[in-house]
Structures are given as structure tokens and as C-alpha cells.
Protein backbone atom coordinates (compact mmCIF):
# COMPACT_ATOMS: atom_id res chain seq x y z
CA MET A 1 -17.80 12.10 -8.87
CA SER A 2 -15.66 14.36 -11.06
CA ALA A 3 -11.97 14.31 -11.80
CA PRO A 4 -9.35 16.49 -13.48
CA VAL A 5 -8.47 15.70 -17.06
CA PRO A 6 -5.17 13.78 -17.10
CA THR A 7 -2.09 15.77 -18.16
CA ALA A 8 1.46 14.79 -18.96
CA SER A 9 2.15 14.42 -15.24
CA LEU A 10 -1.14 12.66 -14.42
CA THR A 11 -1.75 9.97 -17.02
CA ARG A 12 -4.30 7.19 -16.86
CA ALA A 13 -1.58 4.56 -16.45
CA ARG A 14 0.01 6.36 -13.51
CA VAL A 15 -3.35 6.87 -11.78
CA VAL A 16 -4.28 3.19 -12.19
CA SER A 17 -0.85 2.09 -10.91
CA TRP A 18 -1.39 4.39 -7.94
CA ARG A 19 -4.77 2.77 -7.31
CA ASN A 20 -3.35 -0.76 -7.51
CA ALA A 21 -0.50 0.13 -5.15
CA LEU A 22 -3.03 1.40 -2.61
CA PHE A 23 -4.93 -1.88 -2.87
CA VAL A 24 -1.73 -3.59 -1.71
CA VAL A 25 -1.11 -1.07 1.08
CA PHE A 26 -4.62 -1.46 2.50
CA ALA A 27 -4.33 -5.25 2.31
CA LEU A 28 -0.93 -5.28 4.04
CA CYS A 29 -2.30 -3.35 7.01
CA GLY A 30 -5.04 -5.96 7.33
CA VAL A 31 -2.59 -8.87 7.04
CA GLY A 32 -0.61 -7.73 10.08
CA LEU A 33 -3.66 -7.30 12.29
CA GLY A 34 -5.26 -10.55 11.14
CA SER A 35 -2.10 -12.57 11.73
CA TRP A 36 -1.68 -11.24 15.25
CA ALA A 37 -5.36 -11.82 16.11
CA ALA A 38 -5.10 -15.45 14.95
CA ARG A 39 -2.21 -16.14 17.30
CA ILE A 40 -3.57 -14.50 20.44
CA PRO A 41 -4.15 -17.92 22.07
CA ALA A 42 -0.45 -18.74 21.59
CA VAL A 43 0.52 -15.33 22.97
CA SER A 44 -1.70 -15.94 26.00
CA ASP A 45 -0.01 -19.28 26.69
CA LEU A 46 3.53 -17.97 26.22
CA LEU A 47 2.98 -15.08 28.64
CA SER A 48 0.63 -17.03 30.97
CA LEU A 49 -2.11 -14.39 30.62
CA ASP A 50 -5.70 -14.60 31.78
CA PRO A 51 -8.41 -12.85 29.69
CA GLY A 52 -7.85 -9.59 31.54
CA GLY A 53 -4.11 -9.78 30.80
CA VAL A 54 -4.78 -10.40 27.12
CA GLY A 55 -7.07 -7.38 27.06
CA LEU A 56 -4.38 -5.25 28.69
CA LEU A 57 -1.78 -6.43 26.18
CA LEU A 58 -4.08 -5.63 23.25
CA PHE A 59 -4.70 -2.21 24.76
CA GLY A 60 -1.14 -1.45 23.66
CA ILE A 61 -2.32 -1.43 20.04
CA ALA A 62 -5.25 0.85 20.89
CA LEU A 63 -3.08 3.23 22.91
CA GLY A 64 -0.48 3.46 20.15
CA SER A 65 -3.23 3.97 17.57
CA ILE A 66 -4.57 7.05 19.34
CA VAL A 67 -1.08 8.57 19.60
CA GLY A 68 -0.49 7.87 15.90
CA LEU A 69 -3.81 9.39 14.88
CA LEU A 70 -3.16 12.59 16.81
CA ALA A 71 0.22 12.98 15.09
CA ALA A 72 -0.81 11.77 11.64
CA GLY A 73 -2.30 15.00 10.32
CA HIS A 74 0.82 16.96 11.16
CA LEU A 75 3.15 14.30 9.74
CA VAL A 76 1.21 14.04 6.47
CA ALA A 77 1.03 17.82 6.11
CA THR A 78 4.79 18.09 6.69
CA PHE A 79 6.16 15.10 4.77
CA GLY A 80 3.35 13.96 2.45
CA THR A 81 1.46 10.67 2.34
CA LYS A 82 4.03 8.75 0.32
CA ALA A 83 6.90 9.42 2.74
CA VAL A 84 4.74 8.67 5.77
CA MET A 85 3.56 5.36 4.32
CA ARG A 86 7.11 4.35 3.41
CA VAL A 87 8.34 4.91 6.98
CA THR A 88 5.32 3.46 8.81
CA LEU A 89 5.21 0.35 6.60
CA LEU A 90 8.87 -0.21 7.40
CA ILE A 91 8.66 0.32 11.16
CA GLY A 92 5.23 -1.24 11.76
CA PRO A 93 5.93 -4.82 10.63
CA LEU A 94 9.30 -4.78 12.41
CA ALA A 95 7.57 -3.59 15.60
CA LEU A 96 5.09 -6.45 15.31
CA ALA A 97 7.95 -8.91 14.88
CA SER A 98 9.70 -7.42 17.92
CA GLY A 99 6.52 -7.89 19.95
CA ALA A 100 6.44 -11.54 18.90
CA PHE A 101 10.12 -11.95 19.82
CA ALA A 102 9.52 -10.33 23.23
CA THR A 103 6.62 -12.73 23.75
CA ALA A 104 8.13 -16.01 22.57
CA VAL A 105 11.82 -15.63 23.44
CA LEU A 106 12.06 -13.05 26.23
CA HIS A 107 8.64 -13.79 27.79
CA SER A 108 8.43 -10.09 28.60
CA PHE A 109 5.00 -8.50 28.88
CA PRO A 110 6.33 -4.88 28.97
CA LEU A 111 8.44 -5.36 25.83
CA ALA A 112 5.59 -7.11 24.02
CA PHE A 113 3.27 -4.25 25.04
CA ALA A 114 5.81 -1.70 23.73
CA GLY A 115 6.15 -3.52 20.40
CA LEU A 116 2.38 -3.60 19.95
CA ALA A 117 2.10 0.07 20.90
CA VAL A 118 4.61 1.03 18.21
CA PHE A 119 2.79 -1.23 15.74
CA GLY A 120 -0.53 0.45 16.58
CA MET A 121 1.00 3.93 16.31
CA THR A 122 2.56 3.32 12.90
CA MET A 123 -0.49 1.54 11.49
CA SER A 124 -2.91 4.28 12.54
CA THR A 125 -0.59 6.91 11.05
CA CYS A 126 -0.46 4.83 7.88
CA ASP A 127 -4.26 4.56 8.04
CA VAL A 128 -4.65 8.34 7.80
CA SER A 129 -2.01 8.57 5.07
CA MET A 130 -3.52 5.85 2.89
CA ASN A 131 -7.02 7.31 3.26
CA VAL A 132 -5.82 10.78 2.25
CA SER A 133 -3.96 9.26 -0.70
CA GLY A 134 -6.98 7.10 -1.54
CA ALA A 135 -9.29 10.13 -1.57
CA ALA A 136 -6.92 11.96 -3.93
CA ASN A 137 -6.75 8.89 -6.17
CA GLU A 138 -10.55 8.76 -6.08
CA ARG A 139 -10.67 12.33 -7.41
CA ALA A 140 -8.16 11.47 -10.13
CA LEU A 141 -10.14 8.38 -11.18
CA GLY A 142 -13.39 10.30 -11.24
CA ARG A 143 -15.30 7.47 -9.54
CA THR A 144 -15.92 6.13 -6.06
CA ILE A 145 -13.20 3.70 -5.01
CA MET A 146 -12.72 4.15 -1.25
CA PRO A 147 -15.07 1.29 -0.22
CA ILE A 148 -13.02 -1.10 -2.38
CA TYR A 149 -9.83 0.02 -0.61
CA HIS A 150 -11.46 -0.88 2.68
CA ALA A 151 -12.65 -4.18 1.22
CA PHE A 152 -8.99 -4.94 0.47
CA PHE A 153 -8.21 -4.25 4.12
CA SER A 154 -10.84 -6.87 4.96
CA PHE A 155 -9.29 -9.28 2.44
CA GLY A 156 -5.91 -8.69 4.09
CA THR A 157 -7.36 -9.37 7.53
CA MET A 158 -8.85 -12.65 6.33
CA ALA A 159 -5.58 -13.63 4.63
CA GLY A 160 -3.61 -12.76 7.77
CA ALA A 161 -5.98 -14.81 9.92
CA GLY A 162 -5.54 -17.73 7.51
CA LEU A 163 -1.77 -17.46 7.64
CA GLY A 164 -1.90 -17.31 11.43
CA ALA A 165 -4.11 -20.38 11.60
CA LEU A 166 -1.74 -22.21 9.23
CA ALA A 167 1.28 -21.23 11.33
CA GLU A 168 -0.55 -22.39 14.45
CA GLY A 169 -1.45 -25.70 12.83
CA LEU A 170 2.14 -26.28 11.69
CA ASP A 171 3.53 -25.32 15.12
CA ILE A 172 5.67 -22.57 13.61
CA PRO A 173 7.23 -20.59 16.48
CA LEU A 174 5.68 -17.18 16.98
CA GLN A 175 8.95 -15.30 16.45
CA LEU A 176 9.71 -17.08 13.15
CA HIS A 177 6.18 -16.56 11.88
CA PHE A 178 6.27 -12.79 12.44
CA LEU A 179 9.86 -12.37 11.30
CA ALA A 180 8.98 -13.97 7.95
CA LEU A 181 5.75 -11.96 7.80
CA ALA A 182 7.58 -8.71 8.55
CA ILE A 183 10.15 -9.31 5.81
CA ALA A 184 7.43 -10.11 3.26
CA MET A 185 5.33 -7.09 4.31
CA VAL A 186 8.27 -4.69 4.12
CA ILE A 187 9.32 -5.90 0.66
CA ALA A 188 5.75 -5.70 -0.70
CA ALA A 189 5.26 -2.29 0.89
CA MET A 190 8.45 -0.74 -0.43
CA VAL A 191 7.70 -1.94 -3.96
CA SER A 192 4.10 -0.70 -3.81
CA VAL A 193 4.90 2.70 -2.30
CA GLY A 194 7.12 3.38 -5.30
CA PHE A 195 3.99 3.54 -7.48
CA LEU A 196 2.16 6.04 -5.28
CA LEU A 197 1.79 9.65 -6.37
CA PRO A 198 1.71 12.71 -4.11
CA GLU A 199 -1.87 13.76 -3.50
CA SER A 200 -1.02 17.34 -4.52
CA ILE A 201 -0.53 16.22 -8.13
CA VAL A 202 -4.30 15.95 -8.59
CA GLU A 203 -4.93 19.52 -7.49
CA ASP A 204 -1.91 20.84 -9.41
CA SER A 205 -3.18 19.13 -12.55
CA ALA A 206 -6.66 20.56 -12.07
CA ALA A 207 -5.24 24.05 -11.46
CA ARG A 208 -3.18 23.86 -14.68
CA ASP A 209 -6.24 22.74 -16.61
CA ARG A 210 -8.34 25.62 -15.25
CA ALA A 211 -5.56 28.08 -16.01
CA ALA A 212 -5.12 26.76 -19.53
CA ALA A 213 -8.84 26.96 -20.19
CA ALA A 214 -8.92 30.54 -18.91
CA GLY A 215 -5.79 31.52 -20.84
CA HIS A 216 -3.79 32.80 -17.86
CA GLY A 217 -1.50 31.66 -15.08
CA VAL A 218 -2.49 29.30 -12.33
CA ALA A 219 -5.07 30.86 -10.04
CA PRO A 220 -3.95 31.15 -6.44
CA GLU A 221 -5.51 28.71 -4.04
CA ALA A 222 -6.25 29.27 -0.36
CA PRO A 223 -3.16 28.40 1.69
CA GLU A 224 -2.88 25.07 3.43
CA PRO A 225 -2.83 24.98 7.22
CA THR A 226 0.87 25.15 8.01
CA THR A 227 1.17 25.17 11.79
CA TRP A 228 0.10 22.77 14.54
CA ARG A 229 -2.33 25.40 15.81
CA GLU A 230 -3.93 25.88 12.39
CA ARG A 231 -4.27 22.12 11.80
CA LEU A 232 -5.75 21.59 15.26
CA GLY A 233 -8.26 24.30 14.37
CA ILE A 234 -10.00 21.76 12.13
CA TRP A 235 -11.55 20.37 15.32
CA ARG A 236 -13.58 23.58 15.65
CA ASP A 237 -15.29 22.97 12.31
CA PRO A 238 -18.79 21.51 12.91
CA ARG A 239 -18.47 19.43 9.74
CA THR A 240 -15.45 17.65 11.22
CA ILE A 241 -17.47 16.66 14.28
CA MET A 242 -20.48 15.54 12.25
CA ILE A 243 -18.40 13.37 9.90
CA GLY A 244 -16.64 12.04 13.00
CA LEU A 245 -20.01 11.04 14.49
CA LEU A 246 -20.91 9.30 11.24
CA VAL A 247 -17.65 7.33 11.32
CA LEU A 248 -17.95 6.67 15.06
CA GLY A 249 -21.43 5.17 14.72
CA MET A 250 -20.56 2.94 11.79
CA ALA A 251 -17.18 1.91 13.21
CA PHE A 252 -18.99 0.99 16.42
CA ALA A 253 -21.47 -1.10 14.41
CA GLU A 254 -18.60 -2.91 12.70
CA GLY A 255 -16.39 -3.28 15.76
CA SER A 256 -19.17 -4.49 18.04
CA ALA A 257 -19.93 -7.30 15.59
CA ASN A 258 -16.24 -8.25 15.46
CA ASP A 259 -16.05 -8.41 19.25
CA TRP A 260 -19.47 -9.60 20.35
CA LEU A 261 -21.60 -11.10 17.55
CA SER A 262 -20.49 -14.71 18.00
CA TYR A 263 -20.85 -14.38 21.77
CA ALA A 264 -24.30 -12.80 21.40
CA MET A 265 -25.49 -15.66 19.22
CA VAL A 266 -24.30 -18.25 21.74
CA GLN A 267 -25.37 -16.49 24.95
CA GLY A 268 -28.36 -14.58 23.62
CA HIS A 269 -29.85 -16.98 21.06
CA GLY A 270 -28.59 -20.29 22.45
CA THR A 271 -26.61 -21.45 19.40
CA ASP A 272 -23.49 -23.56 19.70
CA GLU A 273 -20.03 -22.00 19.27
CA THR A 274 -19.62 -23.30 15.72
CA THR A 275 -22.86 -21.63 14.66
CA GLY A 276 -21.76 -18.42 16.37
CA ALA A 277 -18.55 -18.43 14.33
CA VAL A 278 -20.49 -19.12 11.12
CA VAL A 279 -22.84 -16.22 11.85
CA PHE A 280 -19.85 -13.92 12.29
CA GLY A 281 -18.57 -15.15 8.91
CA ILE A 282 -21.95 -14.21 7.42
CA PHE A 283 -21.57 -10.70 8.84
CA VAL A 284 -18.05 -10.25 7.41
CA THR A 285 -19.17 -11.58 4.02
CA ALA A 286 -22.16 -9.23 3.93
CA MET A 287 -20.00 -6.26 4.84
CA THR A 288 -17.39 -7.10 2.20
CA ILE A 289 -20.09 -7.51 -0.47
CA GLY A 290 -21.56 -4.18 0.60
CA ARG A 291 -18.21 -2.46 0.11
CA LEU A 292 -17.56 -4.01 -3.28
CA ALA A 293 -21.07 -3.35 -4.61
CA GLY A 294 -21.41 0.01 -2.88
CA VAL A 295 -19.13 1.90 -5.26
CA LYS A 296 -21.63 1.74 -8.13
CA VAL A 297 -24.52 2.60 -5.85
CA LEU A 298 -22.63 5.61 -4.47
CA ASP A 299 -21.75 6.87 -7.95
CA ARG A 300 -25.36 6.57 -9.04
CA PHE A 301 -27.23 7.95 -6.04
CA GLY A 302 -24.66 9.98 -4.09
CA ARG A 303 -23.32 9.67 -0.58
CA VAL A 304 -26.16 11.06 1.54
CA PRO A 305 -29.05 8.92 0.21
CA VAL A 306 -26.88 5.78 0.32
CA LEU A 307 -25.68 6.47 3.86
CA MET A 308 -29.22 7.12 5.06
CA VAL A 309 -30.41 3.84 3.55
CA THR A 310 -27.46 1.82 4.86
CA SER A 311 -27.82 3.22 8.37
CA ALA A 312 -31.50 2.25 8.24
CA LEU A 313 -30.51 -1.27 7.10
CA ALA A 314 -28.06 -1.57 10.00
CA ALA A 315 -30.71 -0.36 12.45
CA VAL A 316 -33.31 -2.84 11.18
CA GLY A 317 -30.73 -5.64 11.26
CA LEU A 318 -29.80 -4.84 14.86
CA ILE A 319 -33.44 -4.77 15.91
CA LEU A 320 -34.00 -8.21 14.36
CA VAL A 321 -30.93 -9.64 16.12
CA ILE A 322 -31.80 -8.07 19.48
CA ALA A 323 -35.56 -8.48 19.62
CA VAL A 324 -36.63 -11.50 17.54
CA PRO A 325 -35.97 -14.92 19.15
CA VAL A 326 -36.15 -16.80 15.84
CA LEU A 327 -32.80 -17.94 14.43
CA TRP A 328 -33.47 -17.47 10.72
CA VAL A 329 -34.71 -13.94 11.44
CA SER A 330 -31.52 -13.29 13.37
CA TYR A 331 -29.49 -14.49 10.39
CA LEU A 332 -31.38 -12.06 8.16
CA GLY A 333 -30.68 -9.35 10.71
CA VAL A 334 -26.96 -10.13 10.64
CA VAL A 335 -26.92 -9.77 6.84
CA LEU A 336 -28.70 -6.39 7.04
CA TRP A 337 -26.38 -5.31 9.86
CA GLY A 338 -23.31 -6.20 7.77
CA LEU A 339 -24.59 -4.47 4.63
CA GLY A 340 -25.60 -1.42 6.64
CA ALA A 341 -22.22 -1.10 8.37
CA SER A 342 -20.19 -1.52 5.19
CA LEU A 343 -19.94 2.00 3.78
CA GLY A 344 -19.98 4.44 6.68
CA PHE A 345 -16.25 4.36 7.52
CA PRO A 346 -14.85 4.53 3.95
CA VAL A 347 -17.35 7.17 2.81
CA GLY A 348 -16.60 9.19 5.94
CA MET A 349 -12.91 9.13 5.02
CA SER A 350 -13.70 10.33 1.50
CA ALA A 351 -15.87 13.13 2.85
CA ALA A 352 -13.20 14.20 5.33
CA ALA A 353 -10.71 14.52 2.45
CA ASP A 354 -12.99 16.49 0.11
CA ASP A 355 -11.00 19.70 0.64
CA PRO A 356 -7.38 18.88 -0.33
CA ARG A 357 -6.07 21.79 1.76
CA THR A 358 -7.38 20.32 5.01
CA ALA A 359 -7.54 16.64 4.02
CA ALA A 360 -4.74 15.37 6.27
CA ALA A 361 -5.89 17.32 9.33
CA ARG A 362 -9.59 16.47 8.89
CA VAL A 363 -9.01 12.77 8.12
CA SER A 364 -6.80 12.56 11.22
CA ALA A 365 -9.49 14.20 13.38
CA VAL A 366 -12.31 12.08 11.97
CA ALA A 367 -10.29 8.88 12.32
CA THR A 368 -9.49 9.78 15.94
CA ILE A 369 -13.19 10.15 16.71
CA GLY A 370 -13.96 6.90 14.88
CA TYR A 371 -11.20 4.95 16.62
CA CYS A 372 -12.75 5.85 19.98
CA SER A 373 -15.29 3.13 19.17
CA PHE A 374 -12.51 0.52 19.31
CA LEU A 375 -11.40 1.84 22.70
CA ILE A 376 -14.74 2.26 24.44
CA GLY A 377 -16.84 -0.25 22.51
CA PRO A 378 -15.67 -3.65 23.83
CA PRO A 379 -15.59 -2.72 27.53
CA ALA A 380 -18.83 -0.70 27.33
CA ILE A 381 -20.80 -3.55 25.77
CA GLY A 382 -19.20 -6.03 28.17
CA PHE A 383 -20.16 -3.87 31.17
CA LEU A 384 -23.76 -3.49 29.97
CA GLY A 385 -23.94 -7.15 29.00
CA ASP A 386 -23.05 -8.23 32.54
CA ARG A 387 -25.93 -6.22 33.92
CA PHE A 388 -28.66 -6.35 31.27
CA GLY A 389 -27.75 -9.26 28.99
CA ILE A 390 -25.65 -9.20 25.85
CA LEU A 391 -28.55 -8.65 23.44
CA ASN A 392 -29.85 -5.68 25.41
CA ALA A 393 -26.31 -4.29 25.54
CA LEU A 394 -26.34 -4.10 21.74
CA LEU A 395 -29.01 -1.39 22.01
CA VAL A 396 -26.15 1.09 22.49
CA VAL A 397 -24.98 0.13 18.98
CA LEU A 398 -28.47 0.83 17.66
CA VAL A 399 -28.40 4.30 19.21
CA LEU A 400 -25.02 5.11 17.64
CA VAL A 401 -26.17 3.84 14.25
CA ALA A 402 -29.12 6.24 14.52
CA VAL A 403 -26.67 9.06 15.31
CA ALA A 404 -24.62 8.08 12.24
CA GLY A 405 -27.74 8.23 10.08
CA PHE A 406 -28.53 11.69 11.44
CA ALA A 407 -24.97 12.83 10.69
CA SER A 408 -24.93 11.42 7.15
CA ARG A 409 -25.79 14.80 5.58
CA SER A 410 -22.33 16.02 6.57
CA ALA A 411 -20.85 13.69 3.91
CA ARG A 412 -22.55 15.55 1.04
CA GLU A 413 -20.38 15.90 -2.06
CA PRO A 414 -18.80 19.35 -2.58
CA GLU A 415 -21.18 21.58 -4.55
CA HIS A 416 -18.29 23.26 -6.35
CA ALA A 417 -17.05 20.04 -7.99
CA GLU A 418 -16.47 20.49 -11.69
CA ALA A 419 -17.29 18.02 -14.42
CA HIS A 420 -14.24 16.39 -15.98
CA ALA A 421 -13.51 13.34 -18.01
CA GLU A 422 -12.88 10.08 -16.19
CA VAL A 423 -9.51 8.38 -16.42
CA ALA A 424 -10.71 4.93 -15.40
């Protein structure tokens, strides 16, 4: 990957500070989700919900997420990533705390649903913003970094789950837990956002460097999409759809493991619940290792070959889990599944942001397609599992992974990229 030579306005120190601040932002988004997930049993008790009621409550997050994704491209294009992250990381944690208050104090399902919907909307908008900013930082660094950002989201989710389990064990009331969490998240977010740079600074720096080398003024660039109609036009670009299919398939592979892997091990392979939980931990570990190690592999071999190999790994892993009734083979399959699912989403986000002019609109569109997996995945696999068995239901994941592998060519690096010195 290439990057513009740093100038007075884009120094190595500022780019590294920008990178580190994004690590914190990605982790904070994971902390909120992980904390809430860990306390779902308490929420269920406080609101006297059956499993269907819990699913309906959690649908508030999904519904808000779709609304936020549809608006994110326009908000980022109008206000910039830094402003959007500052606002969403202020409102989002407070919305989560309000949902906890509505649950524990008011015992109100509608108000809890509304708080979660606002939390989902702000976090998905922040998701687009931080991925656009991360892709710009990646260009400034001159090396692949997006998978590590997403690994920090995973770290945040694990930390949030740990904090939730600790709060549960200490019998800390739900409203106090999330009030303290919201205050800490807002403080950390506001400090971190101060170190972010506008994504346009990378392109401005590159334009000045090209102009200086050519000995004339800055060359005009193609105009950015400026209206809602123009930004929505990105949906007509076949590359948007193909990258979206790549992200959809790999997000489905990741999300289906989060929702169903432990259950599939217990119901499909006859393990006990503890073993099912351990197997899920193996999957998460494999996926996190894949994201951390994947940056060097991507820089060496490029996106398309790596995505084709990882999609093949995920497919082989799924086949082993679904078709081989031998536990140690299933464990191997889970490792391959986790490694294979690790890079598709972050690399898809990088590819969607390759063109800075359309980055916000395309990342928003691609993320919307990808997030459909979180809406349709759990109920679809549950429906098929009731009729054909949970292991056979996972065949739909295998099909979507194959689609993602087919779509991987859409993530090819831009051919016009210029060679520049790295800043980190």
C-alpha cells in the first residue's frame, strides 16, 4: 500500500496519534456492545421477558443500526468523520445508559427499546465514520491497518463482556453499571477524538506533493458527490454491490458463529454447554489472531489473493464442522472458520473507501449490505435449524462464504496508486 509523503500538516507523529486514537474509538464501540450482551439475562429478569421478548428488545439495536447506516454517508459527507464521531460517541453511551435506566428503574419495555434503537443508530453511524477515517489513516501510514482496528473492536467486546460479568457477579444495579460505563466512555471518546485528523488532509497533502513535483498549482480533482441524490447514486455502481456481497458473506460467517456455534456444538455434536462455550472462545481467538496477523499477509500478497484463500479456509472449516462427526476435526474446522472469517469485513471497508471522493457514501452502502446479515442471519438459521437440524442450517453460511470468495476480486487495490514513502 502506498501513502503520501508527510508534509508540515501531515507529520508522522500526527498520523500515529490519529491511528492510536482510532484504536480507542473502535475499542469503545465494542465495550458498549459487550457490556450490554453480558447483562441480557438481568435485563430479561427485570422486564420479565421470554426468549422472544428478548429478541424483540434486541431488534431495537438492529433497527436503529439500519437507520444510522442509511444516514451515515450523508452525515459524514456534510460534517466530516471527526464531528460525526464526536456527536455519536456522546449520544450513544448516554442512550445505552437511558435504556438501562428504563429497564431497571421504570421497567418500561418501550423506553428500553427506544434507548437501544438510538444506541444502535449512533453506533452504526460511528461505524461508518471510523471506517472512513481508518481507511484514510491507512493511506497516510502506507500500510494495511484496518484489520487491527477491527481486532481492537473485538478486544473492546471482550473487555465489555468481562466488565458486565464482573458487575453481574458483584450485584451492581444495571442503571449504575451503565451510568458509570457511559461516563467513562464519553470521557475516553472526547479525549481520543481530539487526536483525529480530517480524512481530507491525506488527499490535500498528496495533491500538494504532486503539484510541487510538477512545479505548478494543485491539480483539480473530480468533485465529491454533494447531494443526497448523487450519494445515493453509489448504489448503482456494480463495485459497490460486489464489495457489499463480500462483506455480507464474511459478516454472515462471523455473526452466525457468534449466534449459533455454541448451540451447534451442543445440539449437533453432543458436547456439553461448557465445551460449547470453549469452542466459541476458540473461534473468537482464531478470528482475532487472523486480524492481527493478516496485516502483514495483506501487505505482502495483496487483498484479492488473501481474500480468496481466507474464504476457502472458512469454507473448508464450515464443511468440517457440518459434515464430520469427530470432535477434534470439528475443533480444527472452527479454527479454520475463524481464520477465514477474520479479514473479509475490514478489508471490504478499506476497499469501499479506496476513492476518497465517494468513501463515505460507498462505506455506508457496503456496511448497510453487510449489516443485513445481522438482521436476517439469526432468524434464518433458526428457522432452517428447526426443520433440517442446526448443522444442516449452517450450509447457508457456506453458500454465502462462497459468494464472498467470488466477489473478492472487487476489493482489488486501485491501479493508479502511486509509490510514496511510508510514515510508520
